[in-house]
Amino acid sequence: MRQTPNETLGDKEKHVPERKCILSGEHDARDNLIRLALGPDGQVAPDVRAKAPGRGAWIGVDRSTLEAAQAKGKLKGALARAFKTGAVSAPDDLGARIEAALRQTVLDRLGLEARGGMLISGAEKIEVAARRGEVHLLIHAQDAGEDGRRKLDQALRVGGGEPQGVVFPADRTILSLALGRQNVVHIAIIDRAAAARVRQALARWRAFIGLNDGLSAEAADLPGASAVDVNEG
């Protein structure tokens, strides 16, 4: 559950940085939005890791909404106001570039967690861990069989976990490549902090491609942050 500005964790007040979407005007936690960076040539580019220097513009809408705004010229105006310059433009395939960057962020995160020993694969191993209450996030490949998903979802519930796992917006081939393993159909995150990191990255990708179906990406899942900090950086 999201922390309110006056809540604290122990003796340290938590800070949740917020940003304003330049298209919708709504505020949300920075980690839930997508940053756009302005290059020296006046072109904006996705900065989904929010690492690029300089001023940023933030969006919190899905790809179809972004592309509709771009087609109507609303995006250009919003970018000009955000960057305080008329010498700004967005590539025609900005939506596709953002989606590709978000997807790669998820795949990179899964690879890191796998190398850190924070996840397991294989239906039998996952079922045992789920029934023991050791699974903090269950993910099914897009092409996973219904019976296999149902069986692992049930094990997850038996272990006191969520009602069901999350469907990954790509097939087993992509999951297998990300983890450097063969035929990865299901994966389970067995570390709470790792699950929060993967959930955050996956939620942003799913929301951007229109799969905003309740996968939580709240800042309260992560260590650190509660009083709201709003700025434009």
C-alpha atoms as a PDB file:
ATOM      1  CA  MET A   1       0.000   0.000   0.000  1.00  0.00           C
ATOM      2  CA  ARG A   2       1.249   3.443  -0.865  1.00  0.00           C
ATOM      3  CA  GLN A   3       2.628   5.497   2.008  1.00  0.00           C
ATOM      4  CA  THR A   4       1.041   8.838   2.871  1.00  0.00           C
ATOM      5  CA  PRO A   5       3.269  11.904   3.293  1.00  0.00           C
ATOM      6  CA  ASN A   6       3.150  11.746   7.088  1.00  0.00           C
ATOM      7  CA  GLU A   7       3.952   8.073   7.497  1.00  0.00           C
ATOM      8  CA  THR A   8       7.406   7.029   8.590  1.00  0.00           C
ATOM      9  CA  LEU A   9       9.441   3.863   8.668  1.00  0.00           C
ATOM     10  CA  GLY A  10      11.158   3.647  12.039  1.00  0.00           C
ATOM     11  CA  ASP A  11      12.894   6.934  12.739  1.00  0.00           C
ATOM     12  CA  LYS A  12      13.531   7.773   9.085  1.00  0.00           C
ATOM     13  CA  GLU A  13      10.889   9.514   7.034  1.00  0.00           C
ATOM     14  CA  LYS A  14      10.443   7.929   3.631  1.00  0.00           C
ATOM     15  CA  HIS A  15      10.415  10.096   0.519  1.00  0.00           C
ATOM     16  CA  VAL A  16       8.499   9.167  -2.610  1.00  0.00           C
ATOM     17  CA  PRO A  17       9.634  11.452  -5.451  1.00  0.00           C
ATOM     18  CA  GLU A  18       6.727  12.341  -7.719  1.00  0.00           C
ATOM     19  CA  ARG A  19       6.581  13.755 -11.210  1.00  0.00           C
ATOM     20  CA  LYS A  20       3.837  15.238 -13.373  1.00  0.00           C
ATOM     21  CA  CYS A  21       2.858  13.669 -16.678  1.00  0.00           C
ATOM     22  CA  ILE A  22       3.175  16.314 -19.381  1.00  0.00           C
ATOM     23  CA  LEU A  23       0.177  14.880 -21.267  1.00  0.00           C
ATOM     24  CA  SER A  24      -2.353  13.978 -18.585  1.00  0.00           C
ATOM     25  CA  GLY A  25      -1.299  16.534 -15.958  1.00  0.00           C
ATOM     26  CA  GLU A  26      -1.494  13.851 -13.279  1.00  0.00           C
ATOM     27  CA  HIS A  27       1.172  13.219 -10.639  1.00  0.00           C
ATOM     28  CA  ASP A  28       2.533   9.800  -9.788  1.00  0.00           C
ATOM     29  CA  ALA A  29       5.608   8.253  -8.218  1.00  0.00           C
ATOM     30  CA  ARG A  30       8.615   8.921 -10.416  1.00  0.00           C
ATOM     31  CA  ASP A  31       9.387   5.217 -10.702  1.00  0.00           C
ATOM     32  CA  ASN A  32       5.962   4.616 -12.247  1.00  0.00           C
ATOM     33  CA  LEU A  33       6.480   7.179 -15.018  1.00  0.00           C
ATOM     34  CA  ILE A  34       8.757   7.307 -18.067  1.00  0.00           C
ATOM     35  CA  ARG A  35      11.375  10.012 -18.449  1.00  0.00           C
ATOM     36  CA  LEU A  36      12.165  11.634 -21.782  1.00  0.00           C
ATOM     37  CA  ALA A  37      15.537  13.314 -22.200  1.00  0.00           C
ATOM     38  CA  LEU A  38      16.422  16.137 -24.588  1.00  0.00           C
ATOM     39  CA  GLY A  39      19.480  15.633 -26.774  1.00  0.00           C
ATOM     40  CA  PRO A  40      21.780  18.395 -28.035  1.00  0.00           C
ATOM     41  CA  ASP A  41      20.116  18.117 -31.447  1.00  0.00           C
ATOM     42  CA  GLY A  42      16.709  18.933 -29.980  1.00  0.00           C
ATOM     43  CA  GLN A  43      15.447  15.348 -30.299  1.00  0.00           C
ATOM     44  CA  VAL A  44      13.853  13.669 -27.315  1.00  0.00           C
ATOM     45  CA  ALA A  45      14.674  10.073 -26.508  1.00  0.00           C
ATOM     46  CA  PRO A  46      13.458   7.552 -23.924  1.00  0.00           C
ATOM     47  CA  ASP A  47      15.395   7.626 -20.663  1.00  0.00           C
ATOM     48  CA  VAL A  48      13.559   4.829 -18.888  1.00  0.00           C
ATOM     49  CA  ARG A  49      16.311   4.430 -16.285  1.00  0.00           C
ATOM     50  CA  ALA A  50      16.229   8.198 -15.589  1.00  0.00           C
ATOM     51  CA  LYS A  51      20.012   8.482 -15.816  1.00  0.00           C
ATOM     52  CA  ALA A  52      20.536  11.059 -18.555  1.00  0.00           C
ATOM     53  CA  PRO A  53      21.783  14.494 -17.442  1.00  0.00           C
ATOM     54  CA  GLY A  54      19.758  17.667 -17.787  1.00  0.00           C
ATOM     55  CA  ARG A  55      16.109  18.468 -17.557  1.00  0.00           C
ATOM     56  CA  GLY A  56      13.590  15.710 -18.165  1.00  0.00           C
ATOM     57  CA  ALA A  57       9.969  15.457 -19.252  1.00  0.00           C
ATOM     58  CA  TRP A  58       7.780  12.717 -17.802  1.00  0.00           C
ATOM     59  CA  ILE A  59       4.889  10.755 -19.249  1.00  0.00           C
ATOM     60  CA  GLY A  60       2.467   8.412 -17.514  1.00  0.00           C
ATOM     61  CA  VAL A  61       0.218   7.391 -20.398  1.00  0.00           C
ATOM     62  CA  ASP A  62       0.171   4.211 -22.463  1.00  0.00           C
ATOM     63  CA  ARG A  63       1.561   3.851 -25.957  1.00  0.00           C
ATOM     64  CA  SER A  64      -1.734   4.334 -27.786  1.00  0.00           C
ATOM     65  CA  THR A  65      -2.439   7.556 -25.890  1.00  0.00           C
ATOM     66  CA  LEU A  66       1.086   8.821 -26.527  1.00  0.00           C
ATOM     67  CA  GLU A  67       0.894   8.113 -30.235  1.00  0.00           C
ATOM     68  CA  ALA A  68      -2.535   9.737 -30.508  1.00  0.00           C
ATOM     69  CA  ALA A  69      -1.166  12.869 -28.819  1.00  0.00           C
ATOM     70  CA  GLN A  70       1.822  12.839 -31.141  1.00  0.00           C
ATOM     71  CA  ALA A  71      -0.375  12.520 -34.231  1.00  0.00           C
ATOM     72  CA  LYS A  72      -2.499  15.497 -33.109  1.00  0.00           C
ATOM     73  CA  GLY A  73       0.530  17.668 -32.323  1.00  0.00           C
ATOM     74  CA  LYS A  74      -0.228  17.739 -28.595  1.00  0.00           C
ATOM     75  CA  LEU A  75       2.997  15.965 -27.669  1.00  0.00           C
ATOM     76  CA  LYS A  76       5.173  18.559 -29.383  1.00  0.00           C
ATOM     77  CA  GLY A  77       3.481  21.371 -27.503  1.00  0.00           C
ATOM     78  CA  ALA A  78       3.776  19.541 -24.194  1.00  0.00           C
ATOM     79  CA  LEU A  79       7.479  18.896 -24.813  1.00  0.00           C
ATOM     80  CA  ALA A  80       8.081  22.534 -25.730  1.00  0.00           C
ATOM     81  CA  ARG A  81       6.526  23.647 -22.445  1.00  0.00           C
ATOM     82  CA  ALA A  82       8.376  21.038 -20.423  1.00  0.00           C
ATOM     83  CA  PHE A  83      11.787  21.841 -21.889  1.00  0.00           C
ATOM     84  CA  LYS A  84      11.034  25.551 -22.258  1.00  0.00           C
ATOM     85  CA  THR A  85      12.114  25.634 -25.894  1.00  0.00           C
ATOM     86  CA  GLY A  86      10.415  25.371 -29.245  1.00  0.00           C
ATOM     87  CA  ALA A  87      13.454  23.644 -30.707  1.00  0.00           C
ATOM     88  CA  VAL A  88      12.314  20.215 -29.685  1.00  0.00           C
ATOM     89  CA  SER A  89      11.000  17.264 -31.657  1.00  0.00           C
ATOM     90  CA  ALA A  90      10.154  13.619 -31.121  1.00  0.00           C
ATOM     91  CA  PRO A  91      10.938  10.756 -33.510  1.00  0.00           C
ATOM     92  CA  ASP A  92       7.950   9.236 -35.284  1.00  0.00           C
ATOM     93  CA  ASP A  93       8.650   5.887 -33.631  1.00  0.00           C
ATOM     94  CA  LEU A  94       8.957   7.247 -30.096  1.00  0.00           C
ATOM     95  CA  GLY A  95       6.315   4.848 -28.796  1.00  0.00           C
ATOM     96  CA  ALA A  96       8.126   1.846 -30.239  1.00  0.00           C
ATOM     97  CA  ARG A  97      11.437   3.047 -28.802  1.00  0.00           C
ATOM     98  CA  ILE A  98       9.940   3.445 -25.338  1.00  0.00           C
ATOM     99  CA  GLU A  99       8.356   0.007 -25.473  1.00  0.00           C
ATOM    100  CA  ALA A 100      11.632  -1.587 -26.571  1.00  0.00           C
ATOM    101  CA  ALA A 101      13.529   0.190 -23.787  1.00  0.00           C
ATOM    102  CA  LEU A 102      11.011  -0.869 -21.130  1.00  0.00           C
ATOM    103  CA  ARG A 103      11.116  -4.454 -22.316  1.00  0.00           C
ATOM    104  CA  GLN A 104      14.912  -4.487 -22.257  1.00  0.00           C
ATOM    105  CA  THR A 105      14.898  -3.074 -18.741  1.00  0.00           C
ATOM    106  CA  VAL A 106      12.740  -5.985 -17.581  1.00  0.00           C
ATOM    107  CA  LEU A 107      14.926  -8.545 -19.329  1.00  0.00           C
ATOM    108  CA  ASP A 108      18.081  -7.020 -17.864  1.00  0.00           C
ATOM    109  CA  ARG A 109      16.539  -7.035 -14.398  1.00  0.00           C
ATOM    110  CA  LEU A 110      15.544 -10.681 -14.691  1.00  0.00           C
ATOM    111  CA  GLY A 111      19.043 -11.559 -15.827  1.00  0.00           C
ATOM    112  CA  LEU A 112      20.571  -9.772 -12.848  1.00  0.00           C
ATOM    113  CA  GLU A 113      18.236 -11.479 -10.391  1.00  0.00           C
ATOM    114  CA  ALA A 114      18.951 -14.852 -11.959  1.00  0.00           C
ATOM    115  CA  ARG A 115      22.691 -14.369 -11.606  1.00  0.00           C
ATOM    116  CA  GLY A 116      22.134 -13.316  -8.011  1.00  0.00           C
ATOM    117  CA  GLY A 117      20.266 -16.528  -7.231  1.00  0.00           C
ATOM    118  CA  MET A 118      17.011 -14.685  -6.577  1.00  0.00           C
ATOM    119  CA  LEU A 119      14.785 -16.703  -8.912  1.00  0.00           C
ATOM    120  CA  ILE A 120      14.058 -20.265  -9.859  1.00  0.00           C
ATOM    121  CA  SER A 121      12.582 -21.882 -12.963  1.00  0.00           C
ATOM    122  CA  GLY A 122      11.017 -25.232 -13.668  1.00  0.00           C
ATOM    123  CA  ALA A 123       7.436 -26.077 -12.791  1.00  0.00           C
ATOM    124  CA  GLU A 124       8.241 -28.723 -10.184  1.00  0.00           C
ATOM    125  CA  LYS A 125      10.719 -26.541  -8.269  1.00  0.00           C
ATOM    126  CA  ILE A 126       8.367 -23.585  -8.389  1.00  0.00           C
ATOM    127  CA  GLU A 127       5.411 -25.614  -7.154  1.00  0.00           C
ATOM    128  CA  VAL A 128       7.336 -26.859  -4.117  1.00  0.00           C
ATOM    129  CA  ALA A 129       8.631 -23.370  -3.291  1.00  0.00           C
ATOM    130  CA  ALA A 130       5.188 -21.818  -3.789  1.00  0.00           C
ATOM    131  CA  ARG A 131       3.494 -24.263  -1.437  1.00  0.00           C
ATOM    132  CA  ARG A 132       6.141 -23.441   1.175  1.00  0.00           C
ATOM    133  CA  GLY A 133       5.362 -19.750   0.894  1.00  0.00           C
ATOM    134  CA  GLU A 134       8.767 -18.943  -0.578  1.00  0.00           C
ATOM    135  CA  VAL A 135       7.572 -17.352  -3.832  1.00  0.00           C
ATOM    136  CA  HIS A 136       7.130 -13.583  -3.789  1.00  0.00           C
ATOM    137  CA  LEU A 137       6.379 -13.174  -7.493  1.00  0.00           C
ATOM    138  CA  LEU A 138       5.300 -15.804 -10.021  1.00  0.00           C
ATOM    139  CA  ILE A 139       5.634 -15.117 -13.748  1.00  0.00           C
ATOM    140  CA  HIS A 140       4.249 -17.173 -16.641  1.00  0.00           C
ATOM    141  CA  ALA A 141       5.453 -16.890 -20.236  1.00  0.00           C
ATOM    142  CA  GLN A 142       2.796 -15.612 -22.616  1.00  0.00           C
ATOM    143  CA  ASP A 143       2.616 -19.009 -24.317  1.00  0.00           C
ATOM    144  CA  ALA A 144       2.481 -21.062 -21.108  1.00  0.00           C
ATOM    145  CA  GLY A 145      -0.240 -23.691 -21.073  1.00  0.00           C
ATOM    146  CA  GLU A 146      -3.413 -22.963 -19.155  1.00  0.00           C
ATOM    147  CA  ASP A 147      -3.115 -26.136 -17.085  1.00  0.00           C
ATOM    148  CA  GLY A 148       0.443 -25.310 -16.052  1.00  0.00           C
ATOM    149  CA  ARG A 149      -0.502 -21.781 -15.066  1.00  0.00           C
ATOM    150  CA  ARG A 150      -3.497 -22.955 -13.100  1.00  0.00           C
ATOM    151  CA  LYS A 151      -1.482 -25.554 -11.190  1.00  0.00           C
ATOM    152  CA  LEU A 152       1.230 -23.102 -10.139  1.00  0.00           C
ATOM    153  CA  ASP A 153      -1.292 -20.384  -9.316  1.00  0.00           C
ATOM    154  CA  GLN A 154      -3.019 -22.808  -6.981  1.00  0.00           C
ATOM    155  CA  ALA A 155       0.288 -23.665  -5.300  1.00  0.00           C
ATOM    156  CA  LEU A 156       0.947 -19.947  -4.884  1.00  0.00           C
ATOM    157  CA  ARG A 157      -2.384 -19.473  -3.103  1.00  0.00           C
ATOM    158  CA  VAL A 158      -1.808 -22.504  -0.891  1.00  0.00           C
ATOM    159  CA  GLY A 159       1.452 -20.937   0.256  1.00  0.00           C
ATOM    160  CA  GLY A 160      -0.294 -17.691   1.144  1.00  0.00           C
ATOM    161  CA  GLY A 161       0.790 -15.832  -1.959  1.00  0.00           C
ATOM    162  CA  GLU A 162      -1.108 -13.745  -4.482  1.00  0.00           C
ATOM    163  CA  PRO A 163      -4.217 -15.139  -6.206  1.00  0.00           C
ATOM    164  CA  GLN A 164      -2.293 -15.793  -9.409  1.00  0.00           C
ATOM    165  CA  GLY A 165       0.937 -15.212 -11.232  1.00  0.00           C
ATOM    166  CA  VAL A 166       1.651 -12.519 -13.794  1.00  0.00           C
ATOM    167  CA  VAL A 167       1.617 -13.237 -17.524  1.00  0.00           C
ATOM    168  CA  PHE A 168       4.839 -12.036 -19.149  1.00  0.00           C
ATOM    169  CA  PRO A 169       4.136 -10.041 -22.356  1.00  0.00           C
ATOM    170  CA  ALA A 170       6.431 -12.295 -24.412  1.00  0.00           C
ATOM    171  CA  ASP A 171       6.848 -15.990 -25.059  1.00  0.00           C
ATOM    172  CA  ARG A 172       9.187 -18.545 -23.522  1.00  0.00           C
ATOM    173  CA  THR A 173      11.886 -17.892 -26.113  1.00  0.00           C
ATOM    174  CA  ILE A 174      12.388 -14.363 -24.816  1.00  0.00           C
ATOM    175  CA  LEU A 175      12.372 -15.479 -21.172  1.00  0.00           C
ATOM    176  CA  SER A 176      14.871 -18.219 -21.954  1.00  0.00           C
ATOM    177  CA  LEU A 177      17.239 -15.786 -23.664  1.00  0.00           C
ATOM    178  CA  ALA A 178      16.999 -13.324 -20.792  1.00  0.00           C
ATOM    179  CA  LEU A 179      17.951 -15.975 -18.238  1.00  0.00           C
ATOM    180  CA  GLY A 180      20.418 -17.889 -20.379  1.00  0.00           C
ATOM    181  CA  ARG A 181      18.437 -21.086 -19.830  1.00  0.00           C
ATOM    182  CA  GLN A 182      16.468 -23.436 -22.057  1.00  0.00           C
ATOM    183  CA  ASN A 183      12.677 -23.596 -22.317  1.00  0.00           C
ATOM    184  CA  VAL A 184      11.825 -21.213 -19.482  1.00  0.00           C
ATOM    185  CA  VAL A 185       8.028 -21.190 -19.220  1.00  0.00           C
ATOM    186  CA  HIS A 186       7.568 -20.140 -15.588  1.00  0.00           C
ATOM    187  CA  ILE A 187       9.828 -18.294 -13.178  1.00  0.00           C
ATOM    188  CA  ALA A 188       9.474 -17.522  -9.488  1.00  0.00           C
ATOM    189  CA  ILE A 189      11.201 -14.768  -7.539  1.00  0.00           C
ATOM    190  CA  ILE A 190      12.134 -16.105  -4.112  1.00  0.00           C
ATOM    191  CA  ASP A 191      13.492 -12.904  -2.563  1.00  0.00           C
ATOM    192  CA  ARG A 192      11.122 -10.144  -1.442  1.00  0.00           C
ATOM    193  CA  ALA A 193      13.300  -7.202  -2.485  1.00  0.00           C
ATOM    194  CA  ALA A 194      14.101  -8.817  -5.836  1.00  0.00           C
ATOM    195  CA  ALA A 195      10.382  -9.388  -6.414  1.00  0.00           C
ATOM    196  CA  ALA A 196       9.718  -5.684  -5.806  1.00  0.00           C
ATOM    197  CA  ARG A 197      12.413  -4.711  -8.309  1.00  0.00           C
ATOM    198  CA  VAL A 198      11.080  -7.043 -10.991  1.00  0.00           C
ATOM    199  CA  ARG A 199       7.479  -6.046 -10.260  1.00  0.00           C
ATOM    200  CA  GLN A 200       8.336  -2.370 -10.709  1.00  0.00           C
ATOM    201  CA  ALA A 201      10.033  -2.865 -14.065  1.00  0.00           C
ATOM    202  CA  LEU A 202       7.386  -5.276 -15.323  1.00  0.00           C
ATOM    203  CA  ALA A 203       4.494  -3.060 -14.242  1.00  0.00           C
ATOM    204  CA  ARG A 204       5.834  -0.080 -16.208  1.00  0.00           C
ATOM    205  CA  TRP A 205       6.225  -2.160 -19.365  1.00  0.00           C
ATOM    206  CA  ARG A 206       2.798  -3.760 -19.048  1.00  0.00           C
ATOM    207  CA  ALA A 207       1.098  -0.439 -18.333  1.00  0.00           C
ATOM    208  CA  PHE A 208       2.716   1.222 -21.344  1.00  0.00           C
ATOM    209  CA  ILE A 209       1.521  -1.486 -23.724  1.00  0.00           C
ATOM    210  CA  GLY A 210      -1.998  -1.346 -22.297  1.00  0.00           C
ATOM    211  CA  LEU A 211      -1.893  -4.248 -19.847  1.00  0.00           C
ATOM    212  CA  ASN A 212      -2.642  -2.167 -16.770  1.00  0.00           C
ATOM    213  CA  ASP A 213      -4.468  -4.956 -14.960  1.00  0.00           C
ATOM    214  CA  GLY A 214      -3.580  -4.327 -11.349  1.00  0.00           C
ATOM    215  CA  LEU A 215       0.050  -5.450 -11.188  1.00  0.00           C
ATOM    216  CA  SER A 216       1.273  -3.371  -8.283  1.00  0.00           C
ATOM    217  CA  ALA A 217       4.297  -1.160  -8.708  1.00  0.00           C
ATOM    218  CA  GLU A 218       3.916   0.968  -5.632  1.00  0.00           C
ATOM    219  CA  ALA A 219       6.888   2.647  -4.028  1.00  0.00           C
ATOM    220  CA  ALA A 220       5.955   1.102  -0.695  1.00  0.00           C
ATOM    221  CA  ASP A 221       7.095  -2.271  -2.034  1.00  0.00           C
ATOM    222  CA  LEU A 222      10.614  -0.930  -2.148  1.00  0.00           C
ATOM    223  CA  PRO A 223      12.956  -0.017   0.668  1.00  0.00           C
ATOM    224  CA  GLY A 224      13.497   3.662   1.129  1.00  0.00           C
ATOM    225  CA  ALA A 225      10.849   6.499   0.712  1.00  0.00           C
ATOM    226  CA  SER A 226       7.432   8.593   2.115  1.00  0.00           C
ATOM    227  CA  ALA A 227       7.052  12.291   2.090  1.00  0.00           C
ATOM    228  CA  VAL A 228       6.159  13.389  -1.409  1.00  0.00           C
ATOM    229  CA  ASP A 229       8.763  15.300  -3.393  1.00  0.00           C
ATOM    230  CA  VAL A 230       7.521  16.836  -6.634  1.00  0.00           C
ATOM    231  CA  ASN A 231       9.842  18.425  -9.173  1.00  0.00           C
ATOM    232  CA  GLU A 232      10.549  18.377 -12.858  1.00  0.00           C
ATOM    233  CA  GLY A 233      14.059  16.897 -13.049  1.00  0.00           C
END
